[in-house]
Amino acid sequence: MRVTLRFSIPIASAFSRRGMSQVEVLCATAVLMVAALGFSRAMVASMHLAESTRQHTLAAQAARDKLEELQDAEFEDVLALYDTATANDPGGAGTAPGASFDVAGLTPTEDDEDGACGAIEFPTTSGQLLENAQLPDFGLPRDLDGSGGVDGGDHALDYALLPVRIVVRWRTDGGPMQVEVKSFLAQR
């Protein structure tokens, strides 16, 4: 004799409905809109970060390139070639590259007097390179002429060690930015 058992499992009404209600559609749409808004904000933030990184890279590379240019110049002429004074230019007044330089792709700050993003700075006071100047940013006071002591004389013509700071300042939507490279140049 055979016995057949039949079981009947009621299917939940949620699974037996066809389609979705308007409330479910509205909830799903709201969730998708919140996700899309979050994604778009993340994309905008990512684009701003990428642009900021690009500008910072341009500035840092320009500063490094300028430092290499200074290192390649005749050592005894570096200060005269790249300081702010034009009267001491080795080839005659106004012939040297000077202390400022442009950086392609960057916008100078609004208060920049010469309209160039880059600046080369030496620890000079009124055109004098003084060993005894109190300029810790440049590592001074320090023996710059190799005499073994720090004196109060002008060493613009007899330096053996030359502190330099190369600064790139530019303007962004978020405000001014700056990259700074400090070094000491020495006779090779």
Protein backbone atom coordinates (compact mmCIF):
# COMPACT_ATOMS: atom_id res chain seq x y z
CA MET A 1 0.00 0.00 0.00
CA ARG A 2 1.23 3.38 -0.93
CA VAL A 3 0.78 6.45 1.11
CA THR A 4 1.20 9.80 -0.51
CA LEU A 5 1.67 12.78 1.69
CA ARG A 6 1.12 16.22 0.35
CA PHE A 7 2.36 19.26 2.07
CA SER A 8 1.17 22.68 1.29
CA ILE A 9 3.44 25.59 2.22
CA PRO A 10 1.77 28.96 2.08
CA ILE A 11 3.87 31.49 0.19
CA ALA A 12 4.19 34.78 1.96
CA SER A 13 2.08 37.46 0.49
CA ALA A 14 5.12 39.69 -0.10
CA PHE A 15 6.50 37.13 -2.53
CA SER A 16 3.25 36.53 -4.27
CA ARG A 17 2.63 40.18 -5.17
CA ARG A 18 3.32 41.37 -8.64
CA GLY A 19 5.35 44.63 -8.91
CA MET A 20 6.22 47.17 -6.27
CA SER A 21 4.12 49.69 -4.46
CA GLN A 22 4.64 53.43 -4.91
CA VAL A 23 6.13 53.70 -1.41
CA GLU A 24 8.74 51.09 -2.29
CA VAL A 25 9.58 52.90 -5.52
CA LEU A 26 9.95 56.21 -3.65
CA CYS A 27 12.21 54.60 -1.02
CA ALA A 28 14.37 52.95 -3.66
CA THR A 29 14.62 56.23 -5.58
CA ALA A 30 15.60 58.11 -2.42
CA VAL A 31 18.30 55.56 -1.60
CA LEU A 32 19.68 55.78 -5.15
CA MET A 33 19.67 59.59 -5.06
CA VAL A 34 21.56 59.66 -1.76
CA ALA A 35 24.11 57.21 -3.17
CA ALA A 36 24.46 59.25 -6.39
CA LEU A 37 24.90 62.47 -4.40
CA GLY A 38 27.60 60.88 -2.25
CA PHE A 39 29.35 59.55 -5.35
CA SER A 40 29.23 62.93 -7.11
CA ARG A 41 30.62 64.69 -4.03
CA ALA A 42 33.43 62.14 -3.86
CA MET A 43 34.19 62.72 -7.55
CA VAL A 44 34.29 66.52 -7.12
CA ALA A 45 36.56 66.18 -4.07
CA SER A 46 38.79 63.81 -6.02
CA MET A 47 39.05 66.28 -8.91
CA HIS A 48 40.00 69.11 -6.52
CA LEU A 49 42.61 66.91 -4.86
CA ALA A 50 44.04 65.89 -8.23
CA GLU A 51 44.33 69.54 -9.29
CA SER A 52 45.96 70.48 -5.99
CA THR A 53 48.43 67.61 -6.35
CA ARG A 54 49.19 68.63 -9.94
CA GLN A 55 49.91 72.22 -8.90
CA HIS A 56 52.06 71.15 -5.95
CA THR A 57 54.04 68.85 -8.24
CA LEU A 58 54.57 71.68 -10.75
CA ALA A 59 55.79 73.99 -7.98
CA ALA A 60 58.13 71.42 -6.44
CA GLN A 61 59.58 70.49 -9.83
CA ALA A 62 60.11 74.16 -10.74
CA ALA A 63 61.94 74.76 -7.44
CA ARG A 64 64.16 71.70 -7.97
CA ASP A 65 64.87 72.75 -11.58
CA LYS A 66 65.85 76.24 -10.44
CA LEU A 67 68.15 74.80 -7.77
CA GLU A 68 69.86 72.70 -10.45
CA GLU A 69 70.22 75.81 -12.60
CA LEU A 70 71.97 77.58 -9.73
CA GLN A 71 74.24 74.58 -9.18
CA ASP A 72 75.19 74.57 -12.88
CA ALA A 73 76.10 78.28 -12.93
CA GLU A 74 79.63 79.49 -12.22
CA PHE A 75 79.77 79.30 -8.44
CA GLU A 76 81.42 82.68 -7.90
CA ASP A 77 78.69 84.35 -10.02
CA VAL A 78 75.60 82.68 -8.51
CA LEU A 79 74.79 85.47 -6.06
CA ALA A 80 75.26 88.22 -8.65
CA LEU A 81 73.26 86.32 -11.29
CA TYR A 82 70.27 85.43 -9.13
CA ASP A 83 69.93 88.17 -6.53
CA THR A 84 67.46 91.05 -6.72
CA ALA A 85 70.08 93.69 -7.58
CA THR A 86 70.75 94.43 -11.24
CA ALA A 87 73.81 96.67 -10.79
CA ASN A 88 76.06 93.68 -9.98
CA ASP A 89 75.04 91.50 -12.96
CA PRO A 90 78.22 89.93 -14.43
CA GLY A 91 77.31 90.83 -18.03
CA GLY A 92 76.19 94.37 -17.22
CA ALA A 93 73.12 95.81 -15.52
CA GLY A 94 69.93 93.93 -16.34
CA THR A 95 71.59 90.97 -18.09
CA ALA A 96 71.26 88.34 -15.34
CA PRO A 97 68.24 86.05 -14.84
CA GLY A 98 67.47 87.67 -11.49
CA ALA A 99 65.65 86.46 -8.43
CA SER A 100 62.19 85.76 -9.82
CA PHE A 101 60.94 83.18 -12.30
CA ASP A 102 57.65 82.07 -13.82
CA VAL A 103 56.12 78.65 -13.32
CA ALA A 104 53.91 77.54 -16.21
CA GLY A 105 50.52 76.34 -15.04
CA LEU A 106 50.47 78.32 -11.78
CA THR A 107 48.85 81.68 -11.06
CA PRO A 108 50.86 84.16 -8.96
CA THR A 109 49.35 85.39 -5.72
CA GLU A 110 47.50 88.70 -5.89
CA ASP A 111 50.07 90.50 -3.73
CA ASP A 112 53.02 89.36 -5.86
CA GLU A 113 54.80 92.51 -7.07
CA ASP A 114 56.71 91.02 -10.00
CA GLY A 115 53.96 88.70 -11.25
CA ALA A 116 56.15 85.59 -11.07
CA CYS A 117 55.39 82.61 -8.84
CA GLY A 118 59.02 81.72 -8.16
CA ALA A 119 61.59 83.57 -6.08
CA ILE A 120 65.23 82.91 -5.26
CA GLU A 121 66.24 84.26 -1.86
CA PHE A 122 69.70 84.73 -0.41
CA PRO A 123 70.51 85.93 3.12
CA THR A 124 71.58 89.38 1.99
CA THR A 125 71.00 92.65 3.76
CA SER A 126 71.28 95.76 1.58
CA GLY A 127 73.20 93.68 -0.97
CA GLN A 128 75.65 92.37 1.62
CA LEU A 129 76.17 88.70 2.45
CA LEU A 130 76.91 88.76 6.17
CA GLU A 131 78.09 85.72 8.11
CA ASN A 132 76.95 87.15 11.44
CA ALA A 133 73.37 87.84 10.32
CA GLN A 134 70.80 86.35 12.68
CA LEU A 135 68.84 84.37 10.07
CA PRO A 136 68.14 80.88 11.39
CA ASP A 137 66.03 80.04 8.30
CA PHE A 138 69.27 80.28 6.30
CA GLY A 139 71.44 78.58 8.92
CA LEU A 140 73.11 81.85 9.92
CA PRO A 141 75.25 82.93 11.64
CA ARG A 142 77.77 80.65 9.88
CA ASP A 143 81.23 80.80 8.35
CA LEU A 144 80.52 81.44 4.65
CA ASP A 145 84.02 82.24 3.39
CA GLY A 146 85.79 79.24 4.93
CA SER A 147 88.03 81.36 7.17
CA GLY A 148 87.21 79.32 10.24
CA GLY A 149 85.29 82.07 12.02
CA VAL A 150 82.20 84.24 11.75
CA ASP A 151 82.84 87.93 11.15
CA GLY A 152 80.78 91.00 10.26
CA GLY A 153 82.26 91.57 6.81
CA ASP A 154 80.50 91.41 3.43
CA HIS A 155 81.18 88.06 1.75
CA ALA A 156 79.22 88.66 -1.47
CA LEU A 157 82.45 88.32 -3.47
CA ASP A 158 84.34 85.66 -1.51
CA TYR A 159 81.80 83.12 -0.26
CA ALA A 160 82.72 79.44 -0.22
CA LEU A 161 79.28 78.40 1.01
CA LEU A 162 76.10 80.10 -0.15
CA PRO A 163 72.73 79.55 1.56
CA VAL A 164 69.74 79.76 -0.78
CA ARG A 165 65.98 79.39 -0.46
CA ILE A 166 63.78 78.86 -3.49
CA VAL A 167 60.12 79.62 -2.93
CA VAL A 168 57.17 79.08 -5.27
CA ARG A 169 53.96 80.84 -4.21
CA TRP A 170 50.73 80.54 -6.16
CA ARG A 171 47.01 81.16 -5.88
CA THR A 172 44.31 78.50 -5.82
CA ASP A 173 40.55 78.58 -5.26
CA GLY A 174 41.26 77.49 -1.69
CA GLY A 175 43.79 80.27 -1.04
CA PRO A 176 47.52 80.82 -1.43
CA MET A 177 49.91 77.86 -1.53
CA GLN A 178 53.69 77.64 -1.18
CA VAL A 179 56.55 75.22 -1.80
CA GLU A 180 59.98 75.99 -0.37
CA VAL A 181 63.36 74.38 -1.02
CA LYS A 182 66.38 75.30 1.12
CA SER A 183 69.95 74.38 0.35
CA PHE A 184 73.59 75.37 0.62
CA LEU A 185 75.58 75.79 -2.56
CA ALA A 186 79.31 75.06 -2.45
CA GLN A 187 82.19 75.11 -4.92
CA ARG A 188 82.48 71.77 -6.73
